[in-house]
Amino acid sequence: MKHLLSLCCLCLLGLARAQMPAAYDPAFDARERERIAAERDQALQRYGSDEADCYQRFAVNDCLRDVRRQRRVALEELRRQEIILNDAQRAAITAEQQRRVEQRQAERDSPASQAERDAAARERAAREQDAQRRQSERGAAPPAAGPV
């Protein structure tokens, strides 16, 4: 019973801790993941010792069922907290990718960039006209006398 009470207290504390701040913080994420891993290890150790205690009792199966249920509840809560962290991390990565796409789009749409594209297009057109002019001069030129 005291394990169940301590487990509930840990879950409530974990719930309060797992609430993500407004902005994604990698350091916070790392600390939370370490805390979750430590709590998971603690829950598994507690499960091992409680399971061993069950074998000292007369009603072994009932005791084991209760211990397994407590373990499952504790691990499910830790997994839920991990999922919250994973969601926040994915959202932060997506937001960063979106910001980069928008930044590239803004650079592409900027007047300076448009002026550069216009200048490059004029230069390309001038080169093409020059190449066509040279081609037509070569085609119109009289054939050169070859070596005899």
C-alpha atoms as a PDB file:
ATOM      1  CA  MET A   1       0.000   0.000   0.000  1.00  0.00           C
ATOM      2  CA  LYS A   2       2.773   2.432   0.852  1.00  0.00           C
ATOM      3  CA  HIS A   3       4.366   1.627  -2.524  1.00  0.00           C
ATOM      4  CA  LEU A   4       1.133   2.522  -4.257  1.00  0.00           C
ATOM      5  CA  LEU A   5       0.962   5.832  -2.409  1.00  0.00           C
ATOM      6  CA  SER A   6       4.583   6.650  -3.197  1.00  0.00           C
ATOM      7  CA  LEU A   7       3.994   5.628  -6.805  1.00  0.00           C
ATOM      8  CA  CYS A   8       1.018   7.987  -7.061  1.00  0.00           C
ATOM      9  CA  CYS A   9       3.065  10.816  -5.567  1.00  0.00           C
ATOM     10  CA  LEU A  10       5.862  10.165  -8.047  1.00  0.00           C
ATOM     11  CA  CYS A  11       3.378  10.151 -10.921  1.00  0.00           C
ATOM     12  CA  LEU A  12       1.894  13.479  -9.850  1.00  0.00           C
ATOM     13  CA  LEU A  13       5.352  14.961  -9.460  1.00  0.00           C
ATOM     14  CA  GLY A  14       6.274  13.628 -12.887  1.00  0.00           C
ATOM     15  CA  LEU A  15       3.117  15.116 -14.348  1.00  0.00           C
ATOM     16  CA  ALA A  16       4.024  18.525 -12.993  1.00  0.00           C
ATOM     17  CA  ARG A  17       7.570  18.210 -14.275  1.00  0.00           C
ATOM     18  CA  ALA A  18       6.601  16.911 -17.701  1.00  0.00           C
ATOM     19  CA  GLN A  19       4.706  20.054 -18.624  1.00  0.00           C
ATOM     20  CA  MET A  20       6.792  21.630 -21.351  1.00  0.00           C
ATOM     21  CA  PRO A  21       7.781  25.288 -21.239  1.00  0.00           C
ATOM     22  CA  ALA A  22       6.465  27.531 -24.024  1.00  0.00           C
ATOM     23  CA  ALA A  23       9.633  27.197 -26.132  1.00  0.00           C
ATOM     24  CA  TYR A  24      11.518  23.972 -26.709  1.00  0.00           C
ATOM     25  CA  ASP A  25      14.644  23.774 -24.584  1.00  0.00           C
ATOM     26  CA  PRO A  26      17.085  20.960 -25.459  1.00  0.00           C
ATOM     27  CA  ALA A  27      18.690  21.155 -22.013  1.00  0.00           C
ATOM     28  CA  PHE A  28      15.299  20.761 -20.337  1.00  0.00           C
ATOM     29  CA  ASP A  29      14.532  17.870 -22.666  1.00  0.00           C
ATOM     30  CA  ALA A  30      17.783  16.125 -21.769  1.00  0.00           C
ATOM     31  CA  ARG A  31      17.178  16.611 -18.029  1.00  0.00           C
ATOM     32  CA  GLU A  32      13.639  15.264 -18.319  1.00  0.00           C
ATOM     33  CA  ARG A  33      14.806  12.230 -20.292  1.00  0.00           C
ATOM     34  CA  GLU A  34      17.454  11.521 -17.651  1.00  0.00           C
ATOM     35  CA  ARG A  35      14.832  11.867 -14.904  1.00  0.00           C
ATOM     36  CA  ILE A  36      12.462   9.521 -16.725  1.00  0.00           C
ATOM     37  CA  ALA A  37      15.225   6.962 -17.230  1.00  0.00           C
ATOM     38  CA  ALA A  38      16.155   7.175 -13.534  1.00  0.00           C
ATOM     39  CA  GLU A  39      12.525   6.772 -12.472  1.00  0.00           C
ATOM     40  CA  ARG A  40      12.132   3.838 -14.844  1.00  0.00           C
ATOM     41  CA  ASP A  41      15.217   2.150 -13.362  1.00  0.00           C
ATOM     42  CA  GLN A  42      13.898   2.834  -9.864  1.00  0.00           C
ATOM     43  CA  ALA A  43      10.481   1.384 -10.749  1.00  0.00           C
ATOM     44  CA  LEU A  44      12.078  -1.738 -12.210  1.00  0.00           C
ATOM     45  CA  GLN A  45      14.280  -2.192  -9.145  1.00  0.00           C
ATOM     46  CA  ARG A  46      11.272  -1.720  -6.888  1.00  0.00           C
ATOM     47  CA  TYR A  47       9.380  -4.279  -8.986  1.00  0.00           C
ATOM     48  CA  GLY A  48      12.206  -6.773  -8.559  1.00  0.00           C
ATOM     49  CA  SER A  49      12.303  -6.368  -4.794  1.00  0.00           C
ATOM     50  CA  ASP A  50       8.494  -6.420  -4.472  1.00  0.00           C
ATOM     51  CA  GLU A  51       8.350  -9.525  -6.635  1.00  0.00           C
ATOM     52  CA  ALA A  52      10.901 -11.224  -4.402  1.00  0.00           C
ATOM     53  CA  ASP A  53       8.813 -10.225  -1.359  1.00  0.00           C
ATOM     54  CA  CYS A  54       5.773 -11.850  -2.958  1.00  0.00           C
ATOM     55  CA  TYR A  55       7.464 -15.225  -2.958  1.00  0.00           C
ATOM     56  CA  GLN A  56       7.755 -14.985   0.826  1.00  0.00           C
ATOM     57  CA  ARG A  57       3.966 -14.746   1.183  1.00  0.00           C
ATOM     58  CA  PHE A  58       1.270 -17.365   1.080  1.00  0.00           C
ATOM     59  CA  ALA A  59      -0.832 -15.728  -1.684  1.00  0.00           C
ATOM     60  CA  VAL A  60       1.951 -15.432  -4.229  1.00  0.00           C
ATOM     61  CA  ASN A  61      -0.199 -15.028  -7.339  1.00  0.00           C
ATOM     62  CA  ASP A  62      -2.354 -12.236  -5.915  1.00  0.00           C
ATOM     63  CA  CYS A  63       0.726 -10.424  -4.713  1.00  0.00           C
ATOM     64  CA  LEU A  64       2.459 -10.815  -8.078  1.00  0.00           C
ATOM     65  CA  ARG A  65      -0.640  -9.553  -9.890  1.00  0.00           C
ATOM     66  CA  ASP A  66      -0.710  -6.429  -7.692  1.00  0.00           C
ATOM     67  CA  VAL A  67       3.014  -5.805  -8.131  1.00  0.00           C
ATOM     68  CA  ARG A  68       2.762  -6.196 -11.904  1.00  0.00           C
ATOM     69  CA  ARG A  69      -0.195  -3.820 -12.016  1.00  0.00           C
ATOM     70  CA  GLN A  70       1.774  -1.210 -10.036  1.00  0.00           C
ATOM     71  CA  ARG A  71       4.753  -1.682 -12.361  1.00  0.00           C
ATOM     72  CA  ARG A  72       2.561  -1.307 -15.433  1.00  0.00           C
ATOM     73  CA  VAL A  73       0.966   1.888 -14.097  1.00  0.00           C
ATOM     74  CA  ALA A  74       4.348   3.400 -13.269  1.00  0.00           C
ATOM     75  CA  LEU A  75       5.878   2.510 -16.627  1.00  0.00           C
ATOM     76  CA  GLU A  76       2.811   3.717 -18.547  1.00  0.00           C
ATOM     77  CA  GLU A  77       3.059   7.111 -16.846  1.00  0.00           C
ATOM     78  CA  LEU A  78       6.751   7.373 -17.681  1.00  0.00           C
ATOM     79  CA  ARG A  79       6.027   6.394 -21.272  1.00  0.00           C
ATOM     80  CA  ARG A  80       3.318   9.069 -21.476  1.00  0.00           C
ATOM     81  CA  GLN A  81       5.837  11.653 -20.286  1.00  0.00           C
ATOM     82  CA  GLU A  82       8.317  10.447 -22.915  1.00  0.00           C
ATOM     83  CA  ILE A  83       5.671  10.808 -25.599  1.00  0.00           C
ATOM     84  CA  ILE A  84       5.051  14.407 -24.502  1.00  0.00           C
ATOM     85  CA  LEU A  85       8.782  15.121 -24.795  1.00  0.00           C
ATOM     86  CA  ASN A  86       8.944  13.438 -28.211  1.00  0.00           C
ATOM     87  CA  ASP A  87       5.972  15.479 -29.447  1.00  0.00           C
ATOM     88  CA  ALA A  88       7.560  18.724 -28.254  1.00  0.00           C
ATOM     89  CA  GLN A  89      10.850  17.792 -29.920  1.00  0.00           C
ATOM     90  CA  ARG A  90       9.122  16.975 -33.203  1.00  0.00           C
ATOM     91  CA  ALA A  91       7.151  20.215 -33.054  1.00  0.00           C
ATOM     92  CA  ALA A  92      10.346  22.207 -32.457  1.00  0.00           C
ATOM     93  CA  ILE A  93      12.112  20.508 -35.373  1.00  0.00           C
ATOM     94  CA  THR A  94       9.117  21.120 -37.630  1.00  0.00           C
ATOM     95  CA  ALA A  95       8.935  24.778 -36.578  1.00  0.00           C
ATOM     96  CA  GLU A  96      12.654  25.222 -37.303  1.00  0.00           C
ATOM     97  CA  GLN A  97      12.306  23.624 -40.738  1.00  0.00           C
ATOM     98  CA  GLN A  98       9.300  25.816 -41.489  1.00  0.00           C
ATOM     99  CA  ARG A  99      11.229  28.910 -40.370  1.00  0.00           C
ATOM    100  CA  ARG A 100      14.100  28.008 -42.718  1.00  0.00           C
ATOM    101  CA  VAL A 101      11.716  27.453 -45.646  1.00  0.00           C
ATOM    102  CA  GLU A 102      10.033  30.795 -44.991  1.00  0.00           C
ATOM    103  CA  GLN A 103      13.428  32.497 -44.718  1.00  0.00           C
ATOM    104  CA  ARG A 104      14.561  31.052 -48.063  1.00  0.00           C
ATOM    105  CA  GLN A 105      11.256  32.084 -49.618  1.00  0.00           C
ATOM    106  CA  ALA A 106      11.638  35.614 -48.260  1.00  0.00           C
ATOM    107  CA  GLU A 107      15.186  35.807 -49.619  1.00  0.00           C
ATOM    108  CA  ARG A 108      13.947  34.583 -52.983  1.00  0.00           C
ATOM    109  CA  ASP A 109      11.130  37.146 -53.022  1.00  0.00           C
ATOM    110  CA  SER A 110      13.251  40.086 -51.841  1.00  0.00           C
ATOM    111  CA  PRO A 111      13.766  43.021 -54.263  1.00  0.00           C
ATOM    112  CA  ALA A 112      17.559  42.543 -54.242  1.00  0.00           C
ATOM    113  CA  SER A 113      17.175  38.931 -55.206  1.00  0.00           C
ATOM    114  CA  GLN A 114      14.665  39.854 -57.915  1.00  0.00           C
ATOM    115  CA  ALA A 115      17.112  42.439 -59.269  1.00  0.00           C
ATOM    116  CA  GLU A 116      19.869  39.799 -59.354  1.00  0.00           C
ATOM    117  CA  ARG A 117      17.609  37.393 -61.243  1.00  0.00           C
ATOM    118  CA  ASP A 118      16.655  40.139 -63.717  1.00  0.00           C
ATOM    119  CA  ALA A 119      20.315  41.035 -64.266  1.00  0.00           C
ATOM    120  CA  ALA A 120      21.208  37.372 -64.775  1.00  0.00           C
ATOM    121  CA  ALA A 121      18.339  36.977 -67.254  1.00  0.00           C
ATOM    122  CA  ARG A 122      19.489  40.071 -69.233  1.00  0.00           C
ATOM    123  CA  GLU A 123      23.055  38.778 -69.261  1.00  0.00           C
ATOM    124  CA  ARG A 124      21.904  35.344 -70.428  1.00  0.00           C
ATOM    125  CA  ALA A 125      19.784  36.928 -73.180  1.00  0.00           C
ATOM    126  CA  ALA A 126      22.734  39.072 -74.296  1.00  0.00           C
ATOM    127  CA  ARG A 127      24.993  35.998 -74.469  1.00  0.00           C
ATOM    128  CA  GLU A 128      22.396  34.109 -76.486  1.00  0.00           C
ATOM    129  CA  GLN A 129      22.007  37.020 -78.923  1.00  0.00           C
ATOM    130  CA  ASP A 130      25.780  37.274 -79.251  1.00  0.00           C
ATOM    131  CA  ALA A 131      26.030  33.535 -79.905  1.00  0.00           C
ATOM    132  CA  GLN A 132      23.269  33.736 -82.551  1.00  0.00           C
ATOM    133  CA  ARG A 133      24.982  36.726 -84.205  1.00  0.00           C
ATOM    134  CA  ARG A 134      28.298  34.864 -84.382  1.00  0.00           C
ATOM    135  CA  GLN A 135      26.544  31.765 -85.707  1.00  0.00           C
ATOM    136  CA  SER A 136      24.846  33.794 -88.446  1.00  0.00           C
ATOM    137  CA  GLU A 137      28.163  35.518 -89.332  1.00  0.00           C
ATOM    138  CA  ARG A 138      29.837  32.124 -89.693  1.00  0.00           C
ATOM    139  CA  GLY A 139      27.008  30.855 -91.855  1.00  0.00           C
ATOM    140  CA  ALA A 140      27.016  33.994 -94.091  1.00  0.00           C
ATOM    141  CA  ALA A 141      30.768  34.214 -94.472  1.00  0.00           C
ATOM    142  CA  PRO A 142      32.180  32.989 -97.826  1.00  0.00           C
ATOM    143  CA  PRO A 143      33.884  29.639 -97.593  1.00  0.00           C
ATOM    144  CA  ALA A 144      37.548  30.031 -96.936  1.00  0.00           C
ATOM    145  CA  ALA A 145      39.934  28.690 -99.524  1.00  0.00           C
ATOM    146  CA  GLY A 146      41.268  25.449 -98.258  1.00  0.00           C
ATOM    147  CA  PRO A 147      44.800  24.199 -98.691  1.00  0.00           C
ATOM    148  CA  VAL A 148      45.511  23.104-102.191  1.00  0.00           C
END
